[in-house]
N, C-alpha and C. Protein backbone atom coordinates (compact mmCIF):
# COMPACT_ATOMS: atom_id res chain seq x y z
N UNK A 1 22.06 26.76 -17.03
CA UNK A 1 22.95 25.62 -16.88
C UNK A 1 22.26 24.40 -17.50
N UNK A 2 22.92 23.80 -18.48
CA UNK A 2 22.33 22.64 -19.13
C UNK A 2 22.77 21.35 -18.43
N UNK A 3 22.28 20.25 -18.93
CA UNK A 3 22.53 18.96 -18.29
C UNK A 3 24.00 18.58 -18.32
N UNK A 4 24.72 18.94 -19.39
CA UNK A 4 26.14 18.61 -19.47
C UNK A 4 26.96 19.37 -18.42
N UNK A 5 26.56 20.60 -18.15
CA UNK A 5 27.23 21.36 -17.09
C UNK A 5 26.99 20.73 -15.73
N UNK A 6 25.78 20.25 -15.50
CA UNK A 6 25.46 19.60 -14.24
C UNK A 6 26.25 18.30 -14.08
N UNK A 7 26.38 17.55 -15.17
CA UNK A 7 27.16 16.31 -15.13
C UNK A 7 28.62 16.62 -14.83
N UNK A 8 29.16 17.65 -15.49
CA UNK A 8 30.55 18.05 -15.26
C UNK A 8 30.77 18.44 -13.80
N UNK A 9 29.86 19.22 -13.24
CA UNK A 9 29.98 19.62 -11.84
C UNK A 9 29.89 18.41 -10.91
N UNK A 10 29.06 17.46 -11.24
CA UNK A 10 28.94 16.25 -10.44
C UNK A 10 30.25 15.45 -10.47
N UNK A 11 30.83 15.32 -11.65
CA UNK A 11 32.10 14.58 -11.77
C UNK A 11 33.21 15.29 -11.01
N UNK A 12 33.29 16.59 -11.13
CA UNK A 12 34.32 17.35 -10.43
C UNK A 12 34.11 17.27 -8.92
N UNK A 13 32.87 17.37 -8.47
CA UNK A 13 32.58 17.26 -7.04
C UNK A 13 32.91 15.89 -6.49
N UNK A 14 32.55 14.86 -7.23
CA UNK A 14 32.86 13.49 -6.81
C UNK A 14 34.36 13.28 -6.75
N UNK A 15 35.07 13.77 -7.74
CA UNK A 15 36.53 13.61 -7.76
C UNK A 15 37.18 14.37 -6.61
N UNK A 16 36.68 15.55 -6.31
CA UNK A 16 37.21 16.32 -5.18
C UNK A 16 36.99 15.58 -3.86
N UNK A 17 35.82 14.98 -3.70
CA UNK A 17 35.54 14.21 -2.48
C UNK A 17 36.48 13.01 -2.35
N UNK A 18 36.73 12.33 -3.46
CA UNK A 18 37.64 11.18 -3.44
C UNK A 18 39.06 11.62 -3.10
N UNK A 19 39.48 12.75 -3.64
CA UNK A 19 40.82 13.26 -3.33
C UNK A 19 40.92 13.60 -1.84
N UNK A 20 39.88 14.22 -1.29
CA UNK A 20 39.89 14.55 0.15
C UNK A 20 39.99 13.30 1.01
N UNK A 21 39.37 12.22 0.58
CA UNK A 21 39.45 10.95 1.31
C UNK A 21 40.82 10.32 1.13
N UNK A 22 41.44 10.48 -0.02
CA UNK A 22 42.71 9.82 -0.33
C UNK A 22 43.93 10.50 0.29
N UNK A 23 43.87 11.80 0.49
CA UNK A 23 45.05 12.52 0.99
C UNK A 23 45.54 11.99 2.35
N UNK A 24 44.68 11.75 3.33
CA UNK A 24 45.20 11.19 4.59
C UNK A 24 45.85 9.82 4.42
N UNK A 25 45.38 9.04 3.46
CA UNK A 25 46.00 7.74 3.19
C UNK A 25 47.40 7.92 2.64
N UNK A 26 47.57 8.85 1.72
CA UNK A 26 48.88 9.13 1.13
C UNK A 26 49.84 9.65 2.19
N UNK A 27 49.34 10.47 3.08
CA UNK A 27 50.19 11.04 4.14
C UNK A 27 50.43 10.09 5.30
N UNK A 28 49.86 8.88 5.20
CA UNK A 28 50.03 7.83 6.22
C UNK A 28 49.53 8.27 7.59
N UNK A 29 48.38 8.93 7.60
CA UNK A 29 47.79 9.44 8.84
C UNK A 29 46.72 8.51 9.42
N UNK A 30 46.30 7.52 8.68
CA UNK A 30 45.20 6.66 9.11
C UNK A 30 45.75 5.35 9.66
N UNK A 31 45.58 5.11 10.96
CA UNK A 31 46.05 3.83 11.52
C UNK A 31 45.15 2.67 11.08
N UNK A 32 45.62 1.46 11.32
CA UNK A 32 44.82 0.28 10.97
C UNK A 32 43.46 0.36 11.64
N UNK A 33 42.42 0.09 10.85
CA UNK A 33 41.06 0.12 11.37
C UNK A 33 40.19 -0.75 10.46
N UNK A 34 38.95 -0.93 10.84
CA UNK A 34 38.04 -1.78 10.07
C UNK A 34 37.09 -1.00 9.17
N UNK A 35 37.31 0.31 9.03
CA UNK A 35 36.37 1.13 8.27
C UNK A 35 37.01 1.85 7.09
N UNK A 36 38.17 2.45 7.29
CA UNK A 36 38.74 3.41 6.34
C UNK A 36 40.11 2.93 5.87
N UNK A 37 40.25 2.71 4.58
CA UNK A 37 41.51 2.28 4.01
C UNK A 37 41.35 1.00 3.23
N UNK A 38 42.44 0.53 2.67
CA UNK A 38 42.46 -0.71 1.89
C UNK A 38 42.66 -1.86 2.87
N UNK A 39 41.56 -2.54 3.20
CA UNK A 39 41.60 -3.58 4.22
C UNK A 39 41.68 -4.96 3.58
N UNK A 40 42.84 -5.56 3.68
CA UNK A 40 43.02 -6.96 3.26
C UNK A 40 43.65 -7.69 4.44
N UNK A 41 43.67 -8.99 4.37
CA UNK A 41 44.26 -9.76 5.46
C UNK A 41 45.72 -9.38 5.65
N UNK A 42 46.46 -9.23 4.55
CA UNK A 42 47.87 -8.88 4.65
C UNK A 42 48.06 -7.47 5.23
N UNK A 43 47.23 -6.53 4.80
CA UNK A 43 47.36 -5.16 5.29
C UNK A 43 47.02 -5.05 6.77
N UNK A 44 46.07 -5.84 7.22
CA UNK A 44 45.65 -5.77 8.62
C UNK A 44 46.65 -6.48 9.54
N UNK A 45 47.63 -7.17 8.97
CA UNK A 45 48.55 -7.95 9.80
C UNK A 45 49.64 -7.11 10.45
N UNK A 46 50.09 -6.04 9.79
CA UNK A 46 51.11 -5.19 10.42
C UNK A 46 51.06 -3.77 9.88
N UNK A 47 51.66 -2.85 10.63
CA UNK A 47 51.58 -1.43 10.29
C UNK A 47 52.38 -1.07 9.04
N UNK A 48 53.53 -1.70 8.84
CA UNK A 48 54.36 -1.38 7.67
C UNK A 48 53.58 -1.65 6.39
N UNK A 49 52.97 -2.81 6.31
CA UNK A 49 52.18 -3.16 5.13
C UNK A 49 50.98 -2.26 4.99
N UNK A 50 50.31 -1.98 6.10
CA UNK A 50 49.12 -1.12 6.09
C UNK A 50 49.44 0.25 5.50
N UNK A 51 50.45 0.92 6.04
CA UNK A 51 50.76 2.27 5.58
C UNK A 51 51.28 2.28 4.14
N UNK A 52 52.09 1.32 3.79
CA UNK A 52 52.62 1.25 2.43
C UNK A 52 51.51 1.02 1.41
N UNK A 53 50.67 0.05 1.66
CA UNK A 53 49.59 -0.27 0.72
C UNK A 53 48.59 0.88 0.61
N UNK A 54 48.24 1.49 1.72
CA UNK A 54 47.27 2.58 1.68
C UNK A 54 47.84 3.84 1.04
N UNK A 55 49.14 4.09 1.21
CA UNK A 55 49.75 5.24 0.53
C UNK A 55 49.70 5.02 -0.98
N UNK A 56 50.03 3.81 -1.42
CA UNK A 56 49.97 3.49 -2.85
C UNK A 56 48.53 3.59 -3.36
N UNK A 57 47.59 3.02 -2.63
CA UNK A 57 46.18 3.07 -3.00
C UNK A 57 45.68 4.52 -3.06
N UNK A 58 46.06 5.34 -2.09
CA UNK A 58 45.66 6.74 -2.07
C UNK A 58 46.20 7.52 -3.26
N UNK A 59 47.46 7.25 -3.61
CA UNK A 59 48.04 7.92 -4.80
C UNK A 59 47.27 7.52 -6.06
N UNK A 60 46.91 6.26 -6.15
CA UNK A 60 46.12 5.81 -7.30
C UNK A 60 44.76 6.48 -7.37
N UNK A 61 44.12 6.64 -6.21
CA UNK A 61 42.83 7.33 -6.18
C UNK A 61 42.96 8.78 -6.65
N UNK A 62 44.01 9.44 -6.20
CA UNK A 62 44.21 10.85 -6.60
C UNK A 62 44.48 10.95 -8.10
N UNK A 63 45.35 10.10 -8.60
CA UNK A 63 45.66 10.13 -10.04
C UNK A 63 44.41 9.87 -10.85
N UNK A 64 43.66 8.83 -10.50
CA UNK A 64 42.46 8.51 -11.27
C UNK A 64 41.43 9.63 -11.18
N UNK A 65 41.29 10.27 -10.03
CA UNK A 65 40.34 11.37 -9.90
C UNK A 65 40.72 12.54 -10.80
N UNK A 66 42.01 12.82 -10.88
CA UNK A 66 42.47 13.90 -11.77
C UNK A 66 42.27 13.53 -13.24
N UNK A 67 42.54 12.28 -13.59
CA UNK A 67 42.29 11.81 -14.96
C UNK A 67 40.81 11.91 -15.28
N UNK A 68 39.97 11.51 -14.34
CA UNK A 68 38.52 11.58 -14.52
C UNK A 68 38.06 13.01 -14.79
N UNK A 69 38.57 13.95 -14.02
CA UNK A 69 38.23 15.37 -14.24
C UNK A 69 38.73 15.84 -15.60
N UNK A 70 39.94 15.46 -15.95
CA UNK A 70 40.50 15.86 -17.24
C UNK A 70 39.69 15.31 -18.40
N UNK A 71 39.29 14.05 -18.30
CA UNK A 71 38.46 13.46 -19.35
C UNK A 71 37.11 14.17 -19.45
N UNK A 72 36.52 14.46 -18.32
CA UNK A 72 35.22 15.13 -18.32
C UNK A 72 35.33 16.53 -18.95
N UNK A 73 36.39 17.25 -18.59
CA UNK A 73 36.57 18.59 -19.16
C UNK A 73 36.87 18.49 -20.66
N UNK A 74 37.66 17.49 -21.04
CA UNK A 74 37.97 17.32 -22.46
C UNK A 74 36.75 16.96 -23.29
N UNK A 75 35.95 16.07 -22.76
CA UNK A 75 34.73 15.69 -23.48
C UNK A 75 33.75 16.84 -23.51
N UNK A 76 33.70 17.62 -22.45
CA UNK A 76 32.81 18.79 -22.44
C UNK A 76 33.25 19.78 -23.50
N UNK A 77 34.56 19.92 -23.69
CA UNK A 77 35.09 20.84 -24.70
C UNK A 77 34.76 20.39 -26.11
N UNK A 78 34.62 19.07 -26.32
CA UNK A 78 34.30 18.54 -27.64
C UNK A 78 32.83 18.73 -28.01
N UNK A 79 32.00 18.81 -26.98
CA UNK A 79 30.56 18.93 -27.23
C UNK A 79 30.21 20.35 -27.67
N UNK A 80 29.42 20.47 -28.69
CA UNK A 80 29.05 21.79 -29.19
C UNK A 80 27.60 22.13 -28.83
N UNK A 81 27.19 21.72 -27.63
CA UNK A 81 25.81 21.98 -27.19
C UNK A 81 25.66 23.38 -26.65
């Protein structure tokens, strides 16, 4: 296993961890708290805003993680090492 394979596995592992963190946000399972979620003054003011903003934020995290994996796999395919 060369260094590029290790980098690819790291990116895929990191993206998988981010997706695991984002799924409960998308499913609106996380109540307002001071640790987990998109915490802004507006979001902390009521539940409707909290769940809506965190669902949107979670979807963005999932999309970006998938794009990140796709870019890593694409760049790995271009390398002739």
